[in-house]
Amino acid sequence: MSDGAIEAVKWLALVLMTLDHVNKYLFAEKLPFIFECGRLTMPLFAFVLAYNLARPGVMEKGGYIRTMKRLMLFGLIATPAFIGLGGLITGWWPLNIMFALLVMTATIYLLDRGTIGSYIIAIFVFIIGGSSVEFWWPGITIGIAAWSYCRKANMLSIIILIAALTAMRIINGNHWALAALPVALSACFISLNVPRLKMIFYIYYPLHLSVLWIAKAVIN
């Protein structure tokens, strides 16, 4: 993909996430078609992150560690608003999407290290981490499979990716996550001039949740 195309996918995911959260927290999910479109958010973010993590030299340049630190920091910053908005299964659980992407990145990092020990730890991170975050194991698996395919095209990764997207029905109640696949594939065939803003998602996520938290408090 061109850098502009991958950035366009990220911006699309950002817009869909915002609309989905406005619909969920301010309109009780009553806006038509917004909930369905929102189901593309996690897969698209996972695709974008997986693609960037699959770039050459990520391990050597410290890309994994840098990404994990950012996800941890902004995930923590977003947590008060995320919990305050409500809608969680219980208390603080599950953790927000930043932590889901953190678990995904940590698992990929351990797999990329390529040692028996790192593989074993990766399994534990995947199992334990996946039980604690939004979108659970299917969401994390989407990113891992996409990363594997971007590193080296193979049919097994495609099969696992489609299976994970299909399994998102358990969480979403529908199969709209599968629509993220043709969106991501379309980005392979277009060239767009969209500048790369590395920190926009990290900053925007807790910021927009905080705004929604305040708006919800005012409305109620």
Protein backbone atom coordinates (compact mmCIF):
# COMPACT_ATOMS: atom_id res chain seq x y z
CA MET A 1 0.00 0.00 0.00
CA SER A 2 1.05 3.59 -0.49
CA ASP A 3 1.59 5.59 2.68
CA GLY A 4 -1.29 7.85 1.67
CA ALA A 5 -3.66 4.91 1.23
CA ILE A 6 -2.86 3.41 4.62
CA GLU A 7 -3.37 6.83 6.20
CA ALA A 8 -6.73 7.14 4.44
CA VAL A 9 -7.82 3.82 5.96
CA LYS A 10 -6.80 5.08 9.41
CA TRP A 11 -8.79 8.29 8.95
CA LEU A 12 -11.81 6.28 7.79
CA ALA A 13 -11.55 4.14 10.93
CA LEU A 14 -11.27 7.30 13.04
CA VAL A 15 -14.45 8.77 11.54
CA LEU A 16 -16.37 5.51 11.91
CA MET A 17 -15.23 5.18 15.53
CA THR A 18 -16.39 8.71 16.31
CA LEU A 19 -19.80 8.20 14.73
CA ASP A 20 -20.17 4.86 16.50
CA HIS A 21 -19.34 6.37 19.89
CA VAL A 22 -21.68 9.34 19.38
CA ASN A 23 -24.41 6.89 18.47
CA LYS A 24 -23.66 4.64 21.46
CA TYR A 25 -23.18 7.18 24.22
CA LEU A 26 -25.44 10.06 23.19
CA PHE A 27 -28.20 8.40 21.14
CA ALA A 28 -28.47 4.95 22.78
CA GLU A 29 -27.52 3.30 19.45
CA LYS A 30 -30.72 4.50 17.79
CA LEU A 31 -29.15 6.18 14.74
CA PRO A 32 -29.74 4.00 11.65
CA PHE A 33 -26.81 2.22 10.00
CA ILE A 34 -24.20 3.83 12.26
CA PHE A 35 -23.84 0.80 14.52
CA GLU A 36 -23.19 -1.46 11.52
CA CYS A 37 -20.57 0.90 10.06
CA GLY A 38 -18.92 1.13 13.44
CA ARG A 39 -18.16 -2.60 13.35
CA LEU A 40 -15.42 -1.85 10.80
CA THR A 41 -13.47 0.29 13.28
CA MET A 42 -11.42 -2.33 15.14
CA PRO A 43 -10.53 -4.40 12.04
CA LEU A 44 -9.41 -1.29 10.14
CA PHE A 45 -7.27 -0.02 13.01
CA ALA A 46 -5.81 -3.50 13.39
CA PHE A 47 -5.01 -3.65 9.66
CA VAL A 48 -3.27 -0.27 9.74
CA LEU A 49 -1.20 -1.08 12.81
CA ALA A 50 -0.33 -4.56 11.50
CA TYR A 51 0.80 -3.09 8.17
CA ASN A 52 3.03 -0.54 9.88
CA LEU A 53 4.49 -3.17 12.23
CA ALA A 54 5.30 -5.34 9.21
CA ARG A 55 7.49 -2.65 7.66
CA PRO A 56 11.18 -3.56 7.35
CA GLY A 57 13.38 -2.62 10.28
CA VAL A 58 10.64 -2.15 12.89
CA MET A 59 12.40 -4.38 15.41
CA GLU A 60 15.80 -2.81 14.82
CA LYS A 61 14.46 0.75 15.05
CA GLY A 62 12.59 0.10 18.29
CA GLY A 63 9.19 0.47 16.64
CA TYR A 64 7.51 -2.22 18.73
CA ILE A 65 8.59 -0.80 22.08
CA ARG A 66 7.77 2.76 21.06
CA THR A 67 4.29 1.73 19.88
CA MET A 68 3.58 -0.27 23.03
CA LYS A 69 4.58 2.64 25.27
CA ARG A 70 2.25 4.99 23.39
CA LEU A 71 -0.65 2.55 23.50
CA MET A 72 -0.17 1.99 27.23
CA LEU A 73 0.08 5.72 28.00
CA PHE A 74 -2.92 6.87 26.00
CA GLY A 75 -4.93 3.80 27.00
CA LEU A 76 -4.46 4.81 30.63
CA ILE A 77 -5.33 8.45 29.88
CA ALA A 78 -8.55 7.34 28.16
CA THR A 79 -9.58 4.95 30.94
CA PRO A 80 -11.44 7.41 33.25
CA ALA A 81 -13.68 8.65 30.42
CA PHE A 82 -14.06 5.14 29.01
CA ILE A 83 -15.31 3.84 32.35
CA GLY A 84 -17.31 6.99 33.09
CA LEU A 85 -19.28 6.69 29.85
CA GLY A 86 -20.56 3.31 31.00
CA GLY A 87 -21.67 0.44 28.83
CA LEU A 88 -18.97 -1.94 30.07
CA ILE A 89 -19.73 -5.51 31.03
CA THR A 90 -18.63 -4.94 34.63
CA GLY A 91 -16.62 -2.27 36.44
CA TRP A 92 -13.47 -1.58 34.41
CA TRP A 93 -13.76 -4.66 32.18
CA PRO A 94 -13.05 -4.89 29.33
CA LEU A 95 -10.20 -2.44 28.80
CA ASN A 96 -10.42 -0.01 25.89
CA ILE A 97 -9.22 -0.47 22.31
CA MET A 98 -5.79 1.00 23.07
CA PHE A 99 -5.11 -1.96 25.33
CA ALA A 100 -6.47 -4.35 22.68
CA LEU A 101 -3.96 -2.94 20.21
CA LEU A 102 -1.29 -3.12 22.92
CA VAL A 103 -1.92 -6.84 23.43
CA MET A 104 -1.85 -7.32 19.67
CA THR A 105 1.46 -5.43 19.34
CA ALA A 106 3.06 -7.24 22.27
CA THR A 107 2.06 -10.62 20.82
CA ILE A 108 3.43 -9.72 17.40
CA TYR A 109 6.63 -8.42 18.96
CA LEU A 110 7.18 -11.70 20.79
CA LEU A 111 6.41 -13.73 17.66
CA ASP A 112 8.84 -11.60 15.66
CA ARG A 113 11.62 -12.31 18.15
CA GLY A 114 11.43 -15.89 16.93
CA THR A 115 12.66 -17.82 19.96
CA ILE A 116 10.96 -20.72 21.71
CA GLY A 117 10.75 -18.67 24.89
CA SER A 118 9.18 -15.69 23.12
CA TYR A 119 6.63 -17.96 21.43
CA ILE A 120 5.58 -19.38 24.80
CA ILE A 121 5.27 -15.90 26.33
CA ALA A 122 3.33 -14.73 23.26
CA ILE A 123 0.75 -17.45 23.89
CA PHE A 124 0.28 -16.30 27.49
CA VAL A 125 0.06 -12.63 26.46
CA PHE A 126 -2.53 -13.51 23.82
CA ILE A 127 -4.66 -15.63 26.15
CA ILE A 128 -4.52 -13.45 29.26
CA GLY A 129 -4.48 -10.12 27.43
CA GLY A 130 -7.26 -11.15 25.10
CA SER A 131 -9.52 -11.92 28.04
CA SER A 132 -9.18 -8.38 29.39
CA VAL A 133 -9.67 -6.08 26.40
CA GLU A 134 -12.33 -4.94 23.98
CA PHE A 135 -12.92 -7.24 21.01
CA TRP A 136 -11.17 -10.03 22.89
CA TRP A 137 -9.25 -12.73 21.02
CA PRO A 138 -10.92 -12.29 17.59
CA GLY A 139 -9.91 -8.61 17.43
CA ILE A 140 -6.31 -9.39 18.37
CA THR A 141 -6.16 -12.29 15.93
CA ILE A 142 -7.20 -10.01 13.07
CA GLY A 143 -4.08 -7.91 13.60
CA ILE A 144 -1.75 -10.88 14.05
CA ALA A 145 -3.00 -12.56 10.87
CA ALA A 146 -2.78 -9.31 8.89
CA TRP A 147 0.79 -8.75 10.13
CA SER A 148 1.76 -12.29 9.18
CA TYR A 149 0.34 -11.84 5.68
CA CYS A 150 2.03 -8.45 5.20
CA ARG A 151 5.36 -9.97 6.18
CA LYS A 152 4.97 -12.87 3.76
CA ALA A 153 1.85 -13.58 1.71
CA ASN A 154 0.43 -16.97 2.63
CA MET A 155 -2.93 -18.70 2.50
CA LEU A 156 -2.96 -19.71 6.17
CA SER A 157 -2.91 -16.07 7.28
CA ILE A 158 -5.82 -15.29 4.96
CA ILE A 159 -7.83 -18.20 6.36
CA ILE A 160 -7.13 -17.15 9.96
CA LEU A 161 -7.94 -13.52 9.13
CA ILE A 162 -11.32 -14.38 7.60
CA ALA A 163 -12.08 -16.73 10.50
CA ALA A 164 -11.27 -13.98 13.02
CA LEU A 165 -13.41 -11.44 11.16
CA THR A 166 -16.24 -13.96 11.09
CA ALA A 167 -15.81 -14.64 14.82
CA MET A 168 -16.37 -10.94 15.51
CA ARG A 169 -20.06 -11.78 15.16
CA ILE A 170 -19.89 -13.16 18.70
CA ILE A 171 -19.04 -9.65 19.91
CA ASN A 172 -20.91 -7.50 17.37
CA GLY A 173 -24.01 -9.59 16.80
CA ASN A 174 -23.52 -9.28 13.03
CA HIS A 175 -20.99 -9.95 10.27
CA TRP A 176 -20.21 -6.34 9.39
CA ALA A 177 -16.57 -6.73 10.47
CA LEU A 178 -16.06 -8.70 7.26
CA ALA A 179 -16.72 -5.50 5.31
CA ALA A 180 -13.34 -4.24 6.52
CA LEU A 181 -11.60 -6.76 4.27
CA PRO A 182 -12.67 -5.26 0.90
CA VAL A 183 -11.94 -1.78 2.29
CA ALA A 184 -8.39 -2.81 3.18
CA LEU A 185 -7.92 -4.60 -0.14
CA SER A 186 -9.13 -1.53 -2.05
CA ALA A 187 -6.36 0.49 -0.42
CA CYS A 188 -3.84 -1.72 -2.23
CA PHE A 189 -5.00 -0.42 -5.60
CA ILE A 190 -5.28 3.30 -4.96
CA SER A 191 -2.70 6.02 -4.43
CA LEU A 192 -3.69 8.95 -2.26
CA ASN A 193 -1.79 11.96 -1.02
CA VAL A 194 -2.72 11.86 2.66
CA PRO A 195 -0.02 13.09 5.06
CA ARG A 196 1.01 10.76 7.87
CA LEU A 197 0.16 12.16 11.30
CA LYS A 198 1.70 9.63 13.67
CA MET A 199 0.18 10.83 16.95
CA ILE A 200 -3.32 11.82 15.84
CA PHE A 201 -5.06 8.59 16.87
CA TYR A 202 -3.29 8.43 20.21
CA ILE A 203 -4.29 11.98 21.13
CA TYR A 204 -7.74 11.90 19.57
CA TYR A 205 -8.92 8.74 21.31
CA PRO A 206 -8.90 9.96 24.94
CA LEU A 207 -9.84 13.49 23.83
CA HIS A 208 -13.03 12.50 22.03
CA LEU A 209 -14.06 10.15 24.85
CA SER A 210 -13.63 12.98 27.35
CA VAL A 211 -15.77 15.30 25.23
CA LEU A 212 -18.48 12.65 24.96
CA TRP A 213 -18.30 12.02 28.72
CA ILE A 214 -18.90 15.72 29.41
CA ALA A 215 -21.65 15.92 26.78
CA LYS A 216 -23.41 12.90 28.22
CA ALA A 217 -23.26 14.36 31.72
CA VAL A 218 -24.74 17.65 30.47
CA ILE A 219 -27.53 15.91 28.54
CA ASN A 220 -28.44 13.70 31.48
